[in-house]
Amino acid sequence: MADVGGQHLAFYVDDIDAAVAHLERHDVRVL
């Protein structure tokens, strides 16, 4: 995101704790 052309895409979720747990169950790197 600090590079020119850097970006991010944000997903709205109703329950952020449940969404983070879901990502972690799928071995997604949460920062």
Full PDB file with SEQRES, HELIX, SHEET, SSBOND, CRYST1, ORIGX, SCALE, CONECT and MASTER records, all heavy atoms in Angstrom:
SEQRES   1 A   31  MET ALA ASP VAL GLY GLY GLN HIS LEU ALA PHE TYR VAL          
SEQRES   2 A   31  ASP ASP ILE ASP ALA ALA VAL ALA HIS LEU GLU ARG HIS          
SEQRES   3 A   31  ASP VAL ARG VAL LEU                                          
HELIX    1 AA1 ILE A   16  ARG A   25  1                                  10    
CRYST1    1.000    1.000    1.000  90.00  90.00  90.00 P 1           1          
ORIGX1      1.000000  0.000000  0.000000        0.00000                         
ORIGX2      0.000000  1.000000  0.000000        0.00000                         
ORIGX3      0.000000  0.000000  1.000000        0.00000                         
SCALE1      1.000000  0.000000  0.000000        0.00000                         
SCALE2      0.000000  1.000000  0.000000        0.00000                         
SCALE3      0.000000  0.000000  1.000000        0.00000                         
ATOM      1  N   MET A   1       0.818  -1.211   0.000  1.00  0.00           N  
ATOM      2  CA  MET A   1       0.000   0.000   0.000  1.00  0.00           C  
ATOM      3  C   MET A   1       0.856   1.267   0.000  1.00  0.00           C  
ATOM      4  O   MET A   1       0.370   2.333  -0.337  1.00  0.00           O  
ATOM      5  CB  MET A   1      -0.959   0.003   1.194  1.00  0.00           C  
ATOM      6  CG  MET A   1      -2.034  -1.041   1.057  1.00  0.00           C  
ATOM      7  SD  MET A   1      -3.377  -0.954   2.259  1.00  0.00           S  
ATOM      8  CE  MET A   1      -2.678  -0.322   3.732  1.00  0.00           C  
ATOM      9  N   ALA A   2       2.138   1.168   0.344  1.00  0.00           N  
ATOM     10  CA  ALA A   2       3.027   2.329   0.322  1.00  0.00           C  
ATOM     11  C   ALA A   2       3.605   2.587  -1.060  1.00  0.00           C  
ATOM     12  O   ALA A   2       4.110   3.672  -1.337  1.00  0.00           O  
ATOM     13  CB  ALA A   2       4.161   2.139   1.331  1.00  0.00           C  
ATOM     14  N   ASP A   3       3.526   1.606  -1.971  1.00  0.00           N  
ATOM     15  CA  ASP A   3       4.078   1.748  -3.320  1.00  0.00           C  
ATOM     16  C   ASP A   3       3.099   2.482  -4.224  1.00  0.00           C  
ATOM     17  O   ASP A   3       1.879   2.350  -4.085  1.00  0.00           O  
ATOM     18  CB  ASP A   3       4.358   0.366  -3.932  1.00  0.00           C  
ATOM     19  CG  ASP A   3       5.423  -0.396  -3.168  1.00  0.00           C  
ATOM     20  OD1 ASP A   3       6.381   0.235  -2.690  1.00  0.00           O  
ATOM     21  OD2 ASP A   3       5.277  -1.634  -3.053  1.00  0.00           O  
ATOM     22  N   VAL A   4       3.645   3.225  -5.180  1.00  0.00           N  
ATOM     23  CA  VAL A   4       2.792   3.830  -6.200  1.00  0.00           C  
ATOM     24  C   VAL A   4       2.069   2.703  -6.925  1.00  0.00           C  
ATOM     25  O   VAL A   4       2.675   1.712  -7.313  1.00  0.00           O  
ATOM     26  CB  VAL A   4       3.631   4.670  -7.190  1.00  0.00           C  
ATOM     27  CG1 VAL A   4       2.774   5.157  -8.343  1.00  0.00           C  
ATOM     28  CG2 VAL A   4       4.284   5.841  -6.466  1.00  0.00           C  
ATOM     29  N   GLY A   5       0.776   2.820  -7.057  1.00  0.00           N  
ATOM     30  CA  GLY A   5      -0.031   1.754  -7.642  1.00  0.00           C  
ATOM     31  C   GLY A   5      -0.495   0.739  -6.614  1.00  0.00           C  
ATOM     32  O   GLY A   5      -1.267  -0.153  -6.941  1.00  0.00           O  
ATOM     33  N   GLY A   6      -0.039   0.881  -5.382  1.00  0.00           N  
ATOM     34  CA  GLY A   6      -0.488  -0.015  -4.319  1.00  0.00           C  
ATOM     35  C   GLY A   6      -1.965   0.227  -4.033  1.00  0.00           C  
ATOM     36  O   GLY A   6      -2.494   1.303  -4.279  1.00  0.00           O  
ATOM     37  N   GLN A   7      -2.612  -0.782  -3.526  1.00  0.00           N  
ATOM     38  CA  GLN A   7      -4.046  -0.680  -3.268  1.00  0.00           C  
ATOM     39  C   GLN A   7      -4.434  -1.728  -2.245  1.00  0.00           C  
ATOM     40  O   GLN A   7      -3.620  -2.546  -1.859  1.00  0.00           O  
ATOM     41  CB  GLN A   7      -4.851  -0.885  -4.553  1.00  0.00           C  
ATOM     42  CG  GLN A   7      -5.027  -2.319  -4.998  1.00  0.00           C  
ATOM     43  CD  GLN A   7      -3.781  -3.062  -5.420  1.00  0.00           C  
ATOM     44  OE1 GLN A   7      -2.953  -2.477  -6.093  1.00  0.00           O  
ATOM     45  NE2 GLN A   7      -3.636  -4.305  -5.037  1.00  0.00           N  
ATOM     46  N   HIS A   8      -5.669  -1.663  -1.833  1.00  0.00           N  
ATOM     47  CA  HIS A   8      -6.241  -2.758  -1.062  1.00  0.00           C  
ATOM     48  C   HIS A   8      -7.731  -2.775  -1.341  1.00  0.00           C  
ATOM     49  O   HIS A   8      -8.299  -1.802  -1.818  1.00  0.00           O  
ATOM     50  CB  HIS A   8      -5.936  -2.648   0.436  1.00  0.00           C  
ATOM     51  CG  HIS A   8      -6.741  -1.634   1.163  1.00  0.00           C  
ATOM     52  ND1 HIS A   8      -6.435  -0.290   1.149  1.00  0.00           N  
ATOM     53  CD2 HIS A   8      -7.843  -1.758   1.934  1.00  0.00           C  
ATOM     54  CE1 HIS A   8      -7.314   0.369   1.880  1.00  0.00           C  
ATOM     55  NE2 HIS A   8      -8.193  -0.492   2.370  1.00  0.00           N  
ATOM     56  N   LEU A   9      -8.332  -3.885  -1.053  1.00  0.00           N  
ATOM     57  CA  LEU A   9      -9.754  -4.077  -1.261  1.00  0.00           C  
ATOM     58  C   LEU A   9     -10.353  -4.459   0.072  1.00  0.00           C  
ATOM     59  O   LEU A   9      -9.852  -5.363   0.735  1.00  0.00           O  
ATOM     60  CB  LEU A   9      -9.965  -5.195  -2.295  1.00  0.00           C  
ATOM     61  CG  LEU A   9     -11.385  -5.542  -2.682  1.00  0.00           C  
ATOM     62  CD1 LEU A   9     -12.051  -4.362  -3.369  1.00  0.00           C  
ATOM     63  CD2 LEU A   9     -11.394  -6.753  -3.589  1.00  0.00           C  
ATOM     64  N   ALA A  10     -11.401  -3.752   0.507  1.00  0.00           N  
ATOM     65  CA  ALA A  10     -11.999  -3.997   1.814  1.00  0.00           C  
ATOM     66  C   ALA A  10     -13.338  -4.707   1.656  1.00  0.00           C  
ATOM     67  O   ALA A  10     -14.161  -4.316   0.839  1.00  0.00           O  
ATOM     68  CB  ALA A  10     -12.195  -2.678   2.562  1.00  0.00           C  
ATOM     69  N   PHE A  11     -13.533  -5.736   2.469  1.00  0.00           N  
ATOM     70  CA  PHE A  11     -14.773  -6.500   2.495  1.00  0.00           C  
ATOM     71  C   PHE A  11     -15.505  -6.198   3.795  1.00  0.00           C  
ATOM     72  O   PHE A  11     -14.944  -6.371   4.875  1.00  0.00           O  
ATOM     73  CB  PHE A  11     -14.492  -8.005   2.419  1.00  0.00           C  
ATOM     74  CG  PHE A  11     -13.817  -8.428   1.147  1.00  0.00           C  
ATOM     75  CD1 PHE A  11     -12.447  -8.570   1.094  1.00  0.00           C  
ATOM     76  CD2 PHE A  11     -14.561  -8.681   0.009  1.00  0.00           C  
ATOM     77  CE1 PHE A  11     -11.817  -8.961  -0.068  1.00  0.00           C  
ATOM     78  CE2 PHE A  11     -13.947  -9.074  -1.161  1.00  0.00           C  
ATOM     79  CZ  PHE A  11     -12.573  -9.215  -1.200  1.00  0.00           C  
ATOM     80  N   TYR A  12     -16.759  -5.777   3.692  1.00  0.00           N  
ATOM     81  CA  TYR A  12     -17.558  -5.541   4.879  1.00  0.00           C  
ATOM     82  C   TYR A  12     -18.079  -6.875   5.391  1.00  0.00           C  
ATOM     83  O   TYR A  12     -18.567  -7.700   4.612  1.00  0.00           O  
ATOM     84  CB  TYR A  12     -18.748  -4.619   4.593  1.00  0.00           C  
ATOM     85  CG  TYR A  12     -19.535  -4.346   5.855  1.00  0.00           C  
ATOM     86  CD1 TYR A  12     -19.157  -3.333   6.709  1.00  0.00           C  
ATOM     87  CD2 TYR A  12     -20.592  -5.170   6.224  1.00  0.00           C  
ATOM     88  CE1 TYR A  12     -19.837  -3.119   7.898  1.00  0.00           C  
ATOM     89  CE2 TYR A  12     -21.275  -4.975   7.411  1.00  0.00           C  
ATOM     90  CZ  TYR A  12     -20.891  -3.947   8.247  1.00  0.00           C  
ATOM     91  OH  TYR A  12     -21.549  -3.751   9.430  1.00  0.00           O  
ATOM     92  N   VAL A  13     -17.993  -7.078   6.712  1.00  0.00           N  
ATOM     93  CA  VAL A  13     -18.537  -8.275   7.351  1.00  0.00           C  
ATOM     94  C   VAL A  13     -19.354  -7.857   8.562  1.00  0.00           C  
ATOM     95  O   VAL A  13     -19.072  -6.837   9.194  1.00  0.00           O  
ATOM     96  CB  VAL A  13     -17.430  -9.274   7.766  1.00  0.00           C  
ATOM     97  CG1 VAL A  13     -16.723  -9.846   6.536  1.00  0.00           C  
ATOM     98  CG2 VAL A  13     -16.422  -8.646   8.716  1.00  0.00           C  
ATOM     99  N   ASP A  14     -20.367  -8.645   8.885  1.00  0.00           N  
ATOM    100  CA  ASP A  14     -21.195  -8.350  10.060  1.00  0.00           C  
ATOM    101  C   ASP A  14     -20.471  -8.668  11.362  1.00  0.00           C  
ATOM    102  O   ASP A  14     -20.627  -7.956  12.352  1.00  0.00           O  
ATOM    103  CB  ASP A  14     -22.508  -9.138   9.999  1.00  0.00           C  
ATOM    104  CG  ASP A  14     -23.404  -8.667   8.865  1.00  0.00           C  
ATOM    105  OD1 ASP A  14     -23.406  -7.458   8.562  1.00  0.00           O  
ATOM    106  OD2 ASP A  14     -24.111  -9.518   8.289  1.00  0.00           O  
ATOM    107  N   ASP A  15     -19.692  -9.751  11.364  1.00  0.00           N  
ATOM    108  CA  ASP A  15     -19.015 -10.204  12.580  1.00  0.00           C  
ATOM    109  C   ASP A  15     -17.540 -10.399  12.249  1.00  0.00           C  
ATOM    110  O   ASP A  15     -17.148 -11.421  11.673  1.00  0.00           O  
ATOM    111  CB  ASP A  15     -19.654 -11.507  13.064  1.00  0.00           C  
ATOM    112  CG  ASP A  15     -19.057 -12.031  14.351  1.00  0.00           C  
ATOM    113  OD1 ASP A  15     -17.888 -11.702  14.681  1.00  0.00           O  
ATOM    114  OD2 ASP A  15     -19.762 -12.797  15.035  1.00  0.00           O  
ATOM    115  N   ILE A  16     -16.731  -9.429  12.608  1.00  0.00           N  
ATOM    116  CA  ILE A  16     -15.318  -9.466  12.220  1.00  0.00           C  
ATOM    117  C   ILE A  16     -14.566 -10.608  12.901  1.00  0.00           C  
ATOM    118  O   ILE A  16     -13.691 -11.221  12.302  1.00  0.00           O  
ATOM    119  CB  ILE A  16     -14.638  -8.097  12.454  1.00  0.00           C  
ATOM    120  CG1 ILE A  16     -13.352  -8.016  11.631  1.00  0.00           C  
ATOM    121  CG2 ILE A  16     -14.432  -7.810  13.926  1.00  0.00           C  
ATOM    122  CD1 ILE A  16     -12.831  -6.616  11.436  1.00  0.00           C  
ATOM    123  N   ASP A  17     -14.930 -10.948  14.145  1.00  0.00           N  
ATOM    124  CA  ASP A  17     -14.259 -12.054  14.832  1.00  0.00           C  
ATOM    125  C   ASP A  17     -14.525 -13.376  14.129  1.00  0.00           C  
ATOM    126  O   ASP A  17     -13.607 -14.183  13.930  1.00  0.00           O  
ATOM    127  CB  ASP A  17     -14.701 -12.123  16.296  1.00  0.00           C  
ATOM    128  CG  ASP A  17     -14.247 -10.894  17.090  1.00  0.00           C  
ATOM    129  OD1 ASP A  17     -13.116 -10.426  16.866  1.00  0.00           O  
ATOM    130  OD2 ASP A  17     -15.037 -10.417  17.914  1.00  0.00           O  
ATOM    131  N   ALA A  18     -15.756 -13.606  13.727  1.00  0.00           N  
ATOM    132  CA  ALA A  18     -16.094 -14.831  13.003  1.00  0.00           C  
ATOM    133  C   ALA A  18     -15.396 -14.868  11.644  1.00  0.00           C  
ATOM    134  O   ALA A  18     -14.924 -15.925  11.206  1.00  0.00           O  
ATOM    135  CB  ALA A  18     -17.606 -14.954  12.831  1.00  0.00           C  
ATOM    136  N   ALA A  19     -15.302 -13.715  10.980  1.00  0.00           N  
ATOM    137  CA  ALA A  19     -14.648 -13.659   9.670  1.00  0.00           C  
ATOM    138  C   ALA A  19     -13.147 -13.928   9.791  1.00  0.00           C  
ATOM    139  O   ALA A  19     -12.572 -14.659   8.981  1.00  0.00           O  
ATOM    140  CB  ALA A  19     -14.907 -12.310   9.009  1.00  0.00           C  
ATOM    141  N   VAL A  20     -12.500 -13.367  10.807  1.00  0.00           N  
ATOM    142  CA  VAL A  20     -11.074 -13.624  11.029  1.00  0.00           C  
ATOM    143  C   VAL A  20     -10.857 -15.105  11.325  1.00  0.00           C  
ATOM    144  O   VAL A  20      -9.936 -15.733  10.784  1.00  0.00           O  
ATOM    145  CB  VAL A  20     -10.517 -12.735  12.164  1.00  0.00           C  
ATOM    146  CG1 VAL A  20      -9.133 -13.207  12.607  1.00  0.00           C  
ATOM    147  CG2 VAL A  20     -10.472 -11.276  11.713  1.00  0.00           C  
ATOM    148  N   ALA A  21     -11.691 -15.690  12.172  1.00  0.00           N  
ATOM    149  CA  ALA A  21     -11.569 -17.124  12.483  1.00  0.00           C  
ATOM    150  C   ALA A  21     -11.716 -17.960  11.218  1.00  0.00           C  
ATOM    151  O   ALA A  21     -10.986 -18.950  11.021  1.00  0.00           O  
ATOM    152  CB  ALA A  21     -12.608 -17.527  13.528  1.00  0.00           C  
ATOM    153  N   HIS A  22     -12.633 -17.583  10.335  1.00  0.00           N  
ATOM    154  CA  HIS A  22     -12.824 -18.283   9.064  1.00  0.00           C  
ATOM    155  C   HIS A  22     -11.558 -18.211   8.215  1.00  0.00           C  
ATOM    156  O   HIS A  22     -11.107 -19.226   7.657  1.00  0.00           O  
ATOM    157  CB  HIS A  22     -14.017 -17.671   8.323  1.00  0.00           C  
ATOM    158  CG  HIS A  22     -14.210 -18.198   6.943  1.00  0.00           C  
ATOM    159  ND1 HIS A  22     -14.873 -19.371   6.681  1.00  0.00           N  
ATOM    160  CD2 HIS A  22     -13.817 -17.698   5.739  1.00  0.00           C  
ATOM    161  CE1 HIS A  22     -14.889 -19.587   5.380  1.00  0.00           C  
ATOM    162  NE2 HIS A  22     -14.257 -18.592   4.781  1.00  0.00           N  
ATOM    163  N   LEU A  23     -10.973 -17.011   8.103  1.00  0.00           N  
ATOM    164  CA  LEU A  23      -9.736 -16.861   7.333  1.00  0.00           C  
ATOM    165  C   LEU A  23      -8.632 -17.730   7.922  1.00  0.00           C  
ATOM    166  O   LEU A  23      -7.909 -18.409   7.183  1.00  0.00           O  
ATOM    167  CB  LEU A  23      -9.292 -15.399   7.308  1.00  0.00           C  
ATOM    168  CG  LEU A  23     -10.181 -14.420   6.553  1.00  0.00           C  
ATOM    169  CD1 LEU A  23      -9.639 -13.005   6.687  1.00  0.00           C  
ATOM    170  CD2 LEU A  23     -10.327 -14.810   5.088  1.00  0.00           C  
ATOM    171  N   GLU A  24      -8.506 -17.713   9.228  1.00  0.00           N  
ATOM    172  CA  GLU A  24      -7.454 -18.494   9.874  1.00  0.00           C  
ATOM    173  C   GLU A  24      -7.662 -19.990   9.666  1.00  0.00           C  
ATOM    174  O   GLU A  24      -6.690 -20.729   9.482  1.00  0.00           O  
ATOM    175  CB  GLU A  24      -7.376 -18.137  11.360  1.00  0.00           C  
ATOM    176  CG  GLU A  24      -6.822 -16.732  11.564  1.00  0.00           C  
ATOM    177  CD  GLU A  24      -6.882 -16.239  13.003  1.00  0.00           C  
ATOM    178  OE1 GLU A  24      -7.673 -16.800  13.811  1.00  0.00           O  
ATOM    179  OE2 GLU A  24      -6.158 -15.273  13.314  1.00  0.00           O  
ATOM    180  N   ARG A  25      -8.904 -20.455   9.650  1.00  0.00           N  
ATOM    181  CA  ARG A  25      -9.176 -21.885   9.373  1.00  0.00           C  
ATOM    182  C   ARG A  25      -8.762 -22.262   7.955  1.00  0.00           C  
ATOM    183  O   ARG A  25      -8.485 -23.424   7.663  1.00  0.00           O  
ATOM    184  CB  ARG A  25     -10.658 -22.199   9.576  1.00  0.00           C  
ATOM    185  CG  ARG A  25     -11.060 -22.396  11.016  1.00  0.00           C  
ATOM    186  CD  ARG A  25     -12.443 -23.011  11.159  1.00  0.00           C  
ATOM    187  NE  ARG A  25     -13.496 -22.288  10.467  1.00  0.00           N  
ATOM    188  CZ  ARG A  25     -14.154 -21.223  10.955  1.00  0.00           C  
ATOM    189  NH1 ARG A  25     -13.860 -20.759  12.154  1.00  0.00           N  
ATOM    190  NH2 ARG A  25     -15.095 -20.649  10.259  1.00  0.00           N  
ATOM    191  N   HIS A  26      -8.730 -21.264   7.067  1.00  0.00           N  
ATOM    192  CA  HIS A  26      -8.312 -21.504   5.687  1.00  0.00           C  
ATOM    193  C   HIS A  26      -6.842 -21.134   5.459  1.00  0.00           C  
ATOM    194  O   HIS A  26      -6.412 -20.962   4.317  1.00  0.00           O  
ATOM    195  CB  HIS A  26      -9.210 -20.718   4.724  1.00  0.00           C  
ATOM    196  CG  HIS A  26     -10.557 -21.333   4.566  1.00  0.00           C  
ATOM    197  ND1 HIS A  26     -11.610 -21.055   5.405  1.00  0.00           N  
ATOM    198  CD2 HIS A  26     -11.023 -22.245   3.678  1.00  0.00           C  
ATOM    199  CE1 HIS A  26     -12.670 -21.746   5.038  1.00  0.00           C  
ATOM    200  NE2 HIS A  26     -12.337 -22.486   3.995  1.00  0.00           N  
ATOM    201  N   ASP A  27      -6.099 -21.002   6.557  1.00  0.00           N  
ATOM    202  CA  ASP A  27      -4.655 -20.709   6.495  1.00  0.00           C  
ATOM    203  C   ASP A  27      -4.330 -19.413   5.760  1.00  0.00           C  
ATOM    204  O   ASP A  27      -3.287 -19.288   5.115  1.00  0.00           O  
ATOM    205  CB  ASP A  27      -3.875 -21.876   5.869  1.00  0.00           C  
ATOM    206  CG  ASP A  27      -3.982 -23.137   6.707  1.00  0.00           C  
ATOM    207  OD1 ASP A  27      -3.943 -23.019   7.945  1.00  0.00           O  
ATOM    208  OD2 ASP A  27      -4.128 -24.223   6.116  1.00  0.00           O  
ATOM    209  N   VAL A  28      -5.216 -18.439   5.860  1.00  0.00           N  
ATOM    210  CA  VAL A  28      -4.979 -17.121   5.280  1.00  0.00           C  
ATOM    211  C   VAL A  28      -4.154 -16.311   6.265  1.00  0.00           C  
ATOM    212  O   VAL A  28      -4.409 -16.335   7.480  1.00  0.00           O  
ATOM    213  CB  VAL A  28      -6.315 -16.411   4.975  1.00  0.00           C  
ATOM    214  CG1 VAL A  28      -6.097 -14.979   4.525  1.00  0.00           C  
ATOM    215  CG2 VAL A  28      -7.088 -17.199   3.918  1.00  0.00           C  
ATOM    216  N   ARG A  29      -3.164 -15.612   5.766  1.00  0.00           N  
ATOM    217  CA  ARG A  29      -2.313 -14.785   6.635  1.00  0.00           C  
ATOM    218  C   ARG A  29      -3.047 -13.506   7.031  1.00  0.00           C  
ATOM    219  O   ARG A  29      -3.256 -12.613   6.202  1.00  0.00           O  
ATOM    220  CB  ARG A  29      -1.003 -14.449   5.943  1.00  0.00           C  
ATOM    221  CG  ARG A  29      -0.071 -13.669   6.833  1.00  0.00           C  
ATOM    222  CD  ARG A  29       1.289 -13.465   6.221  1.00  0.00           C  
ATOM    223  NE  ARG A  29       2.022 -12.497   7.010  1.00  0.00           N  
ATOM    224  CZ  ARG A  29       2.939 -11.700   6.526  1.00  0.00           C  
ATOM    225  NH1 ARG A  29       3.262 -11.756   5.254  1.00  0.00           N  
ATOM    226  NH2 ARG A  29       3.543 -10.839   7.304  1.00  0.00           N  
ATOM    227  N   VAL A  30      -3.441 -13.425   8.285  1.00  0.00           N  
ATOM    228  CA  VAL A  30      -4.082 -12.239   8.844  1.00  0.00           C  
ATOM    229  C   VAL A  30      -2.976 -11.395   9.467  1.00  0.00           C  
ATOM    230  O   VAL A  30      -2.138 -11.916  10.217  1.00  0.00           O  
ATOM    231  CB  VAL A  30      -5.153 -12.619   9.893  1.00  0.00           C  
ATOM    232  CG1 VAL A  30      -5.774 -11.383  10.515  1.00  0.00           C  
ATOM    233  CG2 VAL A  30      -6.224 -13.498   9.231  1.00  0.00           C  
ATOM    234  N   LEU A  31      -2.960 -10.108   9.164  1.00  0.00           N  
ATOM    235  CA  LEU A  31      -1.894  -9.216   9.617  1.00  0.00           C  
ATOM    236  C   LEU A  31      -2.256  -8.605  10.971  1.00  0.00           C  
ATOM    237  O   LEU A  31      -2.941  -7.595  11.052  1.00  0.00           O  
ATOM    238  CB  LEU A  31      -1.634  -8.119   8.583  1.00  0.00           C  
ATOM    239  CG  LEU A  31      -1.299  -8.619   7.177  1.00  0.00           C  
ATOM    240  CD1 LEU A  31      -1.138  -7.463   6.211  1.00  0.00           C  
ATOM    241  CD2 LEU A  31      -0.042  -9.482   7.202  1.00  0.00           C  
TER     242      LEU A  31                                                      
MASTER        0    0    0    1    0    0    0    6  241    1    0    3          
END                                                                             
